[in-house]
Amino acid sequence: MHQRYKPPRLSISMRGCSAAGKRLMAQDTQQLESIETPDANLFERIVFAVRQEQEVKQSRKLLLLFLTLLIVSAAILPFSYLFLASQWHQSGVSYFISIALENAKSFVHQWQDFSLSIFEALPIAAMVMFLVNVFLLLFSIRLFLYKRGAIMKYFKYSFI
């Protein structure tokens, strides 16, 4: 894989050199020949390592975002459900729906009035808050499952 460095042949005359000088030149030549040149793919490996480190950093950010979103939405979910249930009970929508189901003939004849009464009594704010919370919870779970490869890569490189 590594190529050995081959120095150019020098046309230096050794006439008149002492034995010690010749030994020193031979040692220098051996040292030059033992030097290995860098791998031809060194640049690609460096670029790959830098990209991999960037992906690990991005995975760390994604993991933090997913966990924060998941924890916050899971923590708020029971409170938003209780708020929706209390607002639903206070609004009397269940009363309108039960009357519409019991008296189907009168509901069919006066469906506009019944539907407007039901729509007026709906706890819209509580329903929106609950649905947004459920959407965020499902969205964070979906993103976690979608990006699990990147997140697992983060775990792989963070504990090595």
N, C-alpha and C. Protein backbone atom coordinates (compact mmCIF):
# COMPACT_ATOMS: atom_id res chain seq x y z
N MET A 1 0.82 -1.18 0.00
CA MET A 1 0.00 0.00 0.00
C MET A 1 0.87 1.26 0.00
N HIS A 2 1.89 1.31 0.87
CA HIS A 2 2.79 2.45 0.90
C HIS A 2 3.92 2.23 -0.10
N GLN A 3 4.29 3.28 -0.73
CA GLN A 3 5.39 3.20 -1.67
C GLN A 3 6.65 3.73 -1.00
N ARG A 4 7.70 3.07 -1.22
CA ARG A 4 8.97 3.50 -0.63
C ARG A 4 9.55 4.64 -1.46
N TYR A 5 10.18 5.54 -0.75
CA TYR A 5 10.83 6.68 -1.41
C TYR A 5 12.13 6.20 -2.05
N LYS A 6 12.27 6.48 -3.31
CA LYS A 6 13.49 6.12 -4.01
C LYS A 6 14.19 7.41 -4.41
N PRO A 7 15.30 7.70 -3.71
CA PRO A 7 16.00 8.94 -4.05
C PRO A 7 16.65 8.84 -5.42
N PRO A 8 16.79 9.96 -6.04
CA PRO A 8 17.46 9.94 -7.35
C PRO A 8 18.93 9.56 -7.17
N ARG A 9 19.43 8.89 -8.14
CA ARG A 9 20.85 8.51 -8.10
C ARG A 9 21.69 9.75 -8.33
N LEU A 10 22.55 9.97 -7.40
CA LEU A 10 23.43 11.13 -7.50
C LEU A 10 24.76 10.69 -8.12
N SER A 11 25.26 11.52 -8.89
CA SER A 11 26.57 11.21 -9.48
C SER A 11 27.66 11.94 -8.73
N ILE A 12 27.76 11.60 -7.45
CA ILE A 12 28.79 12.21 -6.62
C ILE A 12 29.97 11.25 -6.59
N SER A 13 31.04 11.80 -6.82
CA SER A 13 32.26 10.98 -6.82
C SER A 13 32.71 10.78 -5.39
N MET A 14 33.04 9.55 -5.07
CA MET A 14 33.51 9.24 -3.72
C MET A 14 35.03 9.13 -3.68
N ARG A 15 35.66 9.50 -4.74
CA ARG A 15 37.12 9.46 -4.71
C ARG A 15 37.64 10.48 -3.74
N GLY A 16 38.52 10.10 -2.96
CA GLY A 16 39.14 11.00 -2.00
C GLY A 16 38.41 11.05 -0.70
N CYS A 17 37.28 10.30 -0.52
CA CYS A 17 36.54 10.28 0.74
C CYS A 17 37.15 9.21 1.63
N SER A 18 37.07 9.48 2.90
CA SER A 18 37.57 8.49 3.85
C SER A 18 36.54 7.38 4.00
N ALA A 19 36.90 6.32 4.67
CA ALA A 19 35.99 5.20 4.91
C ALA A 19 34.82 5.64 5.78
N ALA A 20 35.09 6.52 6.74
CA ALA A 20 34.02 7.02 7.61
C ALA A 20 33.03 7.85 6.80
N GLY A 21 33.50 8.63 5.88
CA GLY A 21 32.63 9.44 5.04
C GLY A 21 31.77 8.58 4.13
N LYS A 22 32.39 7.49 3.62
CA LYS A 22 31.63 6.57 2.77
C LYS A 22 30.55 5.86 3.57
N ARG A 23 30.85 5.49 4.81
CA ARG A 23 29.85 4.84 5.68
C ARG A 23 28.71 5.81 5.98
N LEU A 24 29.06 7.05 6.27
CA LEU A 24 28.05 8.05 6.57
C LEU A 24 27.14 8.28 5.38
N MET A 25 27.70 8.34 4.17
CA MET A 25 26.88 8.51 2.97
C MET A 25 26.01 7.28 2.73
N ALA A 26 26.52 6.10 3.01
CA ALA A 26 25.73 4.88 2.84
C ALA A 26 24.57 4.85 3.83
N GLN A 27 24.81 5.31 5.08
CA GLN A 27 23.73 5.36 6.07
C GLN A 27 22.66 6.37 5.66
N ASP A 28 23.09 7.52 5.16
CA ASP A 28 22.12 8.53 4.71
C ASP A 28 21.28 8.01 3.55
N THR A 29 21.93 7.29 2.64
CA THR A 29 21.20 6.72 1.51
C THR A 29 20.19 5.69 1.99
N GLN A 30 20.57 4.85 2.97
CA GLN A 30 19.64 3.86 3.50
C GLN A 30 18.46 4.53 4.21
N GLN A 31 18.74 5.60 4.95
CA GLN A 31 17.66 6.31 5.62
C GLN A 31 16.70 6.94 4.62
N LEU A 32 17.22 7.50 3.56
CA LEU A 32 16.35 8.08 2.54
C LEU A 32 15.51 7.01 1.86
N GLU A 33 16.07 5.83 1.65
CA GLU A 33 15.33 4.76 1.01
C GLU A 33 14.27 4.18 1.93
N SER A 34 14.46 4.28 3.25
CA SER A 34 13.50 3.72 4.20
C SER A 34 12.31 4.64 4.46
N ILE A 35 12.39 5.88 4.02
CA ILE A 35 11.27 6.82 4.23
C ILE A 35 10.13 6.42 3.30
N GLU A 36 8.93 6.29 3.89
CA GLU A 36 7.76 5.92 3.10
C GLU A 36 7.03 7.18 2.65
N THR A 37 6.55 7.14 1.44
CA THR A 37 5.76 8.26 0.95
C THR A 37 4.33 8.12 1.48
N PRO A 38 3.62 9.21 1.62
CA PRO A 38 2.22 9.11 2.07
C PRO A 38 1.39 8.31 1.08
N ASP A 39 0.36 7.73 1.62
CA ASP A 39 -0.55 6.94 0.80
C ASP A 39 -1.19 7.84 -0.25
N ALA A 40 -1.44 7.28 -1.41
CA ALA A 40 -2.04 8.06 -2.49
C ALA A 40 -3.46 8.49 -2.14
N ASN A 41 -4.15 7.74 -1.26
CA ASN A 41 -5.53 8.06 -0.88
C ASN A 41 -5.61 8.83 0.43
N LEU A 42 -4.52 9.40 0.84
CA LEU A 42 -4.51 10.11 2.12
C LEU A 42 -5.50 11.28 2.13
N PHE A 43 -5.53 12.05 1.07
CA PHE A 43 -6.44 13.19 1.00
C PHE A 43 -7.89 12.74 1.09
N GLU A 44 -8.24 11.68 0.37
CA GLU A 44 -9.62 11.19 0.41
C GLU A 44 -9.98 10.69 1.81
N ARG A 45 -9.02 10.04 2.47
CA ARG A 45 -9.29 9.55 3.83
C ARG A 45 -9.47 10.70 4.80
N ILE A 46 -8.70 11.76 4.64
CA ILE A 46 -8.85 12.94 5.51
C ILE A 46 -10.20 13.59 5.29
N VAL A 47 -10.58 13.77 4.03
CA VAL A 47 -11.89 14.37 3.71
C VAL A 47 -13.01 13.50 4.25
N PHE A 48 -12.88 12.18 4.10
CA PHE A 48 -13.90 11.26 4.62
C PHE A 48 -14.01 11.37 6.14
N ALA A 49 -12.88 11.46 6.83
CA ALA A 49 -12.90 11.58 8.30
C ALA A 49 -13.54 12.90 8.73
N VAL A 50 -13.27 13.97 8.00
CA VAL A 50 -13.87 15.27 8.33
C VAL A 50 -15.38 15.21 8.12
N ARG A 51 -15.81 14.63 7.01
CA ARG A 51 -17.26 14.50 6.75
C ARG A 51 -17.94 13.63 7.79
N GLN A 52 -17.26 12.57 8.18
CA GLN A 52 -17.83 11.68 9.19
C GLN A 52 -17.98 12.41 10.52
N GLU A 53 -17.00 13.23 10.88
CA GLU A 53 -17.10 14.01 12.11
C GLU A 53 -18.24 15.02 12.04
N GLN A 54 -18.44 15.62 10.86
CA GLN A 54 -19.56 16.56 10.68
C GLN A 54 -20.89 15.82 10.83
N GLU A 55 -20.99 14.62 10.28
CA GLU A 55 -22.21 13.85 10.42
C GLU A 55 -22.48 13.48 11.88
N VAL A 56 -21.43 13.18 12.62
CA VAL A 56 -21.60 12.86 14.05
C VAL A 56 -22.10 14.08 14.80
N LYS A 57 -21.58 15.25 14.49
CA LYS A 57 -22.05 16.48 15.14
C LYS A 57 -23.50 16.76 14.78
N GLN A 58 -23.86 16.55 13.51
CA GLN A 58 -25.25 16.75 13.09
C GLN A 58 -26.15 15.73 13.77
N SER A 59 -25.70 14.51 13.91
CA SER A 59 -26.49 13.48 14.58
C SER A 59 -26.71 13.84 16.05
N ARG A 60 -25.69 14.41 16.67
CA ARG A 60 -25.82 14.83 18.06
C ARG A 60 -26.88 15.92 18.20
N LYS A 61 -26.89 16.87 17.27
CA LYS A 61 -27.90 17.92 17.30
C LYS A 61 -29.29 17.35 17.07
N LEU A 62 -29.42 16.43 16.11
CA LEU A 62 -30.71 15.80 15.84
C LEU A 62 -31.21 15.02 17.06
N LEU A 63 -30.32 14.30 17.69
CA LEU A 63 -30.71 13.53 18.86
C LEU A 63 -31.20 14.45 19.97
N LEU A 64 -30.50 15.55 20.20
CA LEU A 64 -30.93 16.50 21.22
C LEU A 64 -32.29 17.10 20.87
N LEU A 65 -32.49 17.45 19.61
CA LEU A 65 -33.77 18.01 19.18
C LEU A 65 -34.90 17.00 19.35
N PHE A 66 -34.68 15.76 18.90
CA PHE A 66 -35.72 14.73 19.00
C PHE A 66 -36.06 14.44 20.45
N LEU A 67 -35.05 14.29 21.27
CA LEU A 67 -35.32 13.97 22.67
C LEU A 67 -36.04 15.11 23.37
N THR A 68 -35.64 16.34 23.10
CA THR A 68 -36.30 17.49 23.72
C THR A 68 -37.76 17.56 23.28
N LEU A 69 -37.99 17.44 21.99
CA LEU A 69 -39.36 17.49 21.46
C LEU A 69 -40.20 16.34 22.01
N LEU A 70 -39.64 15.17 22.06
CA LEU A 70 -40.36 14.00 22.56
C LEU A 70 -40.68 14.14 24.05
N ILE A 71 -39.73 14.56 24.84
CA ILE A 71 -39.95 14.69 26.28
C ILE A 71 -40.97 15.79 26.58
N VAL A 72 -40.84 16.92 25.91
CA VAL A 72 -41.78 18.03 26.16
C VAL A 72 -43.20 17.65 25.75
N SER A 73 -43.34 17.08 24.57
CA SER A 73 -44.69 16.73 24.12
C SER A 73 -45.28 15.59 24.95
N ALA A 74 -44.47 14.63 25.38
CA ALA A 74 -44.98 13.55 26.22
C ALA A 74 -45.34 14.05 27.61
N ALA A 75 -44.60 15.04 28.11
CA ALA A 75 -44.90 15.58 29.43
C ALA A 75 -46.17 16.43 29.43
N ILE A 76 -46.44 17.11 28.34
CA ILE A 76 -47.61 18.00 28.27
C ILE A 76 -48.87 17.24 27.86
N LEU A 77 -48.73 16.08 27.26
CA LEU A 77 -49.88 15.33 26.75
C LEU A 77 -50.96 15.06 27.81
N PRO A 78 -50.64 14.56 29.00
CA PRO A 78 -51.72 14.33 29.97
C PRO A 78 -52.45 15.60 30.38
N PHE A 79 -51.71 16.70 30.51
CA PHE A 79 -52.34 17.95 30.90
C PHE A 79 -53.25 18.49 29.80
N SER A 80 -52.82 18.38 28.57
CA SER A 80 -53.68 18.85 27.48
C SER A 80 -54.91 17.96 27.33
N TYR A 81 -54.76 16.66 27.59
CA TYR A 81 -55.93 15.77 27.55
C TYR A 81 -56.92 16.12 28.67
N LEU A 82 -56.42 16.35 29.88
CA LEU A 82 -57.30 16.74 30.98
C LEU A 82 -58.00 18.06 30.70
N PHE A 83 -57.28 19.00 30.11
CA PHE A 83 -57.88 20.28 29.75
C PHE A 83 -58.97 20.08 28.70
N LEU A 84 -58.71 19.24 27.69
CA LEU A 84 -59.71 18.96 26.67
C LEU A 84 -60.94 18.28 27.27
N ALA A 85 -60.71 17.31 28.15
CA ALA A 85 -61.84 16.59 28.75
C ALA A 85 -62.69 17.54 29.61
N SER A 86 -62.06 18.41 30.38
CA SER A 86 -62.83 19.33 31.22
C SER A 86 -63.59 20.34 30.36
N GLN A 87 -62.95 20.85 29.31
CA GLN A 87 -63.63 21.80 28.42
C GLN A 87 -64.78 21.13 27.66
N TRP A 88 -64.58 19.89 27.28
CA TRP A 88 -65.63 19.13 26.57
C TRP A 88 -66.84 18.94 27.48
N HIS A 89 -66.56 18.61 28.74
CA HIS A 89 -67.66 18.39 29.69
C HIS A 89 -68.39 19.70 29.99
N GLN A 90 -67.66 20.78 30.13
CA GLN A 90 -68.27 22.07 30.44
C GLN A 90 -69.03 22.66 29.27
N SER A 91 -68.64 22.32 28.05
CA SER A 91 -69.27 22.93 26.88
C SER A 91 -70.67 22.39 26.61
N GLY A 92 -70.97 21.18 27.02
CA GLY A 92 -72.28 20.60 26.78
C GLY A 92 -72.45 20.00 25.40
N VAL A 93 -71.37 19.78 24.69
CA VAL A 93 -71.43 19.20 23.36
C VAL A 93 -72.01 17.80 23.42
N SER A 94 -71.66 17.07 24.45
CA SER A 94 -72.19 15.70 24.57
C SER A 94 -73.71 15.71 24.70
N TYR A 95 -74.26 16.74 25.36
CA TYR A 95 -75.71 16.88 25.48
C TYR A 95 -76.34 17.07 24.10
N PHE A 96 -75.77 17.95 23.27
CA PHE A 96 -76.29 18.18 21.92
C PHE A 96 -76.22 16.91 21.07
N ILE A 97 -75.11 16.20 21.17
CA ILE A 97 -74.93 14.98 20.38
C ILE A 97 -75.92 13.90 20.81
N SER A 98 -76.13 13.77 22.12
CA SER A 98 -77.09 12.74 22.59
C SER A 98 -78.51 13.07 22.14
N ILE A 99 -78.90 14.33 22.16
CA ILE A 99 -80.23 14.72 21.68
C ILE A 99 -80.35 14.45 20.18
N ALA A 100 -79.29 14.75 19.43
CA ALA A 100 -79.33 14.52 17.98
C ALA A 100 -79.46 13.03 17.68
N LEU A 101 -78.84 12.18 18.47
CA LEU A 101 -78.92 10.74 18.23
C LEU A 101 -80.25 10.15 18.71
N GLU A 102 -80.82 10.69 19.79
CA GLU A 102 -82.09 10.18 20.30
C GLU A 102 -83.25 10.58 19.40
N ASN A 103 -83.23 11.79 18.91
CA ASN A 103 -84.32 12.29 18.06
C ASN A 103 -83.79 12.47 16.64
N ALA A 104 -83.62 11.39 15.97
CA ALA A 104 -83.04 11.43 14.63
C ALA A 104 -83.94 12.19 13.64
N LYS A 105 -85.29 12.05 13.79
CA LYS A 105 -86.19 12.75 12.88
C LYS A 105 -86.08 14.27 13.04
N SER A 106 -86.08 14.72 14.27
CA SER A 106 -85.98 16.17 14.49
C SER A 106 -84.59 16.69 14.10
N PHE A 107 -83.57 15.86 14.27
CA PHE A 107 -82.22 16.27 13.86
C PHE A 107 -82.14 16.43 12.34
N VAL A 108 -82.76 15.50 11.60
CA VAL A 108 -82.73 15.58 10.15
C VAL A 108 -83.48 16.81 9.66
N HIS A 109 -84.61 17.15 10.31
CA HIS A 109 -85.40 18.32 9.89
C HIS A 109 -84.70 19.62 10.26
N GLN A 110 -84.02 19.64 11.37
CA GLN A 110 -83.38 20.89 11.83
C GLN A 110 -81.87 20.70 11.98
N TRP A 111 -81.26 20.08 11.02
CA TRP A 111 -79.84 19.75 11.10
C TRP A 111 -78.96 21.00 11.11
N GLN A 112 -79.40 22.07 10.45
CA GLN A 112 -78.59 23.29 10.44
C GLN A 112 -78.49 23.90 11.83
N ASP A 113 -79.61 23.97 12.53
CA ASP A 113 -79.59 24.54 13.88
C ASP A 113 -78.78 23.67 14.84
N PHE A 114 -78.98 22.36 14.75
CA PHE A 114 -78.23 21.44 15.61
C PHE A 114 -76.72 21.54 15.35
N SER A 115 -76.36 21.52 14.09
CA SER A 115 -74.93 21.55 13.77
C SER A 115 -74.29 22.87 14.18
N LEU A 116 -75.02 23.98 13.99
CA LEU A 116 -74.47 25.26 14.43
C LEU A 116 -74.34 25.31 15.95
N SER A 117 -75.29 24.75 16.66
CA SER A 117 -75.21 24.72 18.12
C SER A 117 -74.03 23.87 18.58
N ILE A 118 -73.83 22.76 17.91
CA ILE A 118 -72.70 21.90 18.27
C ILE A 118 -71.37 22.60 17.97
N PHE A 119 -71.29 23.22 16.80
CA PHE A 119 -70.04 23.90 16.43
C PHE A 119 -69.75 25.10 17.34
N GLU A 120 -70.78 25.79 17.79
CA GLU A 120 -70.59 26.91 18.71
C GLU A 120 -70.09 26.43 20.06
N ALA A 121 -70.53 25.27 20.48
CA ALA A 121 -70.19 24.79 21.81
C ALA A 121 -68.85 24.02 21.85
N LEU A 122 -68.29 23.73 20.70
CA LEU A 122 -67.03 22.97 20.69
C LEU A 122 -65.90 23.74 21.38
N PRO A 123 -65.12 23.05 22.20
CA PRO A 123 -63.95 23.70 22.83
C PRO A 123 -62.77 23.70 21.86
N ILE A 124 -62.77 24.66 20.95
CA ILE A 124 -61.80 24.71 19.86
C ILE A 124 -60.37 24.86 20.39
N ALA A 125 -60.17 25.75 21.34
CA ALA A 125 -58.81 25.99 21.85
C ALA A 125 -58.22 24.73 22.48
N ALA A 126 -59.02 24.04 23.28
CA ALA A 126 -58.54 22.81 23.92
C ALA A 126 -58.29 21.72 22.88
N MET A 127 -59.14 21.64 21.86
CA MET A 127 -58.95 20.63 20.82
C MET A 127 -57.68 20.91 20.01
N VAL A 128 -57.46 22.18 19.69
CA VAL A 128 -56.26 22.55 18.92
C VAL A 128 -55.01 22.26 19.74
N MET A 129 -55.03 22.62 21.02
CA MET A 129 -53.88 22.38 21.86
C MET A 129 -53.58 20.88 21.96
N PHE A 130 -54.60 20.07 22.15
CA PHE A 130 -54.40 18.62 22.26
C PHE A 130 -53.91 18.04 20.94
N LEU A 131 -54.50 18.46 19.83
CA LEU A 131 -54.09 17.93 18.52
C LEU A 131 -52.67 18.35 18.15
N VAL A 132 -52.29 19.57 18.47
CA VAL A 132 -50.91 20.00 18.22
C VAL A 132 -49.93 19.18 19.05
N ASN A 133 -50.30 18.93 20.30
CA ASN A 133 -49.44 18.13 21.16
C ASN A 133 -49.29 16.70 20.62
N VAL A 134 -50.38 16.09 20.22
CA VAL A 134 -50.32 14.74 19.66
C VAL A 134 -49.51 14.74 18.35
N PHE A 135 -49.71 15.77 17.53
CA PHE A 135 -48.97 15.88 16.28
C PHE A 135 -47.46 15.98 16.55
N LEU A 136 -47.06 16.81 17.50
CA LEU A 136 -45.64 16.94 17.83
C LEU A 136 -45.06 15.63 18.35
N LEU A 137 -45.81 14.93 19.16
CA LEU A 137 -45.35 13.65 19.68
C LEU A 137 -45.15 12.65 18.54
N LEU A 138 -46.14 12.53 17.67
CA LEU A 138 -46.03 11.60 16.54
C LEU A 138 -44.95 12.03 15.55
N PHE A 139 -44.81 13.33 15.35
CA PHE A 139 -43.79 13.85 14.45
C PHE A 139 -42.40 13.54 14.98
N SER A 140 -42.18 13.73 16.27
CA SER A 140 -40.85 13.45 16.83
C SER A 140 -40.55 11.96 16.80
N ILE A 141 -41.54 11.11 17.01
CA ILE A 141 -41.32 9.67 16.91
C ILE A 141 -41.02 9.28 15.47
N ARG A 142 -41.75 9.86 14.52
CA ARG A 142 -41.51 9.55 13.11
C ARG A 142 -40.12 10.01 12.68
N LEU A 143 -39.72 11.20 13.08
CA LEU A 143 -38.38 11.67 12.72
C LEU A 143 -37.31 10.83 13.38
N PHE A 144 -37.55 10.41 14.60
CA PHE A 144 -36.58 9.55 15.28
C PHE A 144 -36.41 8.24 14.52
N LEU A 145 -37.52 7.66 14.08
CA LEU A 145 -37.44 6.41 13.34
C LEU A 145 -36.84 6.62 11.95
N TYR A 146 -37.13 7.76 11.34
CA TYR A 146 -36.61 8.05 10.01
C TYR A 146 -35.10 8.29 10.05
N LYS A 147 -34.63 8.98 11.07
CA LYS A 147 -33.22 9.34 11.19
C LYS A 147 -32.47 8.40 12.13
N ARG A 148 -33.01 7.23 12.39
CA ARG A 148 -32.37 6.36 13.36
C ARG A 148 -30.98 5.92 12.90
N GLY A 149 -30.74 5.85 11.59
CA GLY A 149 -29.41 5.49 11.11
C GLY A 149 -28.38 6.53 11.52
N ALA A 150 -28.73 7.80 11.37
CA ALA A 150 -27.81 8.86 11.77
C ALA A 150 -27.62 8.90 13.28
N ILE A 151 -28.68 8.62 14.01
CA ILE A 151 -28.58 8.64 15.46
C ILE A 151 -27.77 7.45 15.96
N MET A 152 -27.98 6.30 15.35
CA MET A 152 -27.20 5.12 15.74
C MET A 152 -25.72 5.32 15.40
N LYS A 153 -25.45 6.03 14.31
CA LYS A 153 -24.07 6.34 13.96
C LYS A 153 -23.44 7.22 15.04
N TYR A 154 -24.23 8.15 15.58
CA TYR A 154 -23.73 8.99 16.67
C TYR A 154 -23.38 8.13 17.88
N PHE A 155 -24.27 7.21 18.24
CA PHE A 155 -24.00 6.34 19.39
C PHE A 155 -22.78 5.47 19.13
N LYS A 156 -22.63 5.03 17.90
CA LYS A 156 -21.51 4.16 17.56
C LYS A 156 -20.18 4.88 17.76
N TYR A 157 -20.09 6.13 17.31
CA TYR A 157 -18.83 6.86 17.39
C TYR A 157 -18.63 7.60 18.71
N SER A 158 -19.69 7.79 19.46
CA SER A 158 -19.52 8.52 20.71
C SER A 158 -19.02 7.64 21.84
N PHE A 159 -19.21 6.34 21.74
CA PHE A 159 -18.79 5.44 22.82
C PHE A 159 -17.53 4.66 22.49
N ILE A 160 -16.95 4.91 21.35
CA ILE A 160 -15.72 4.18 20.97
C ILE A 160 -14.54 4.82 21.64
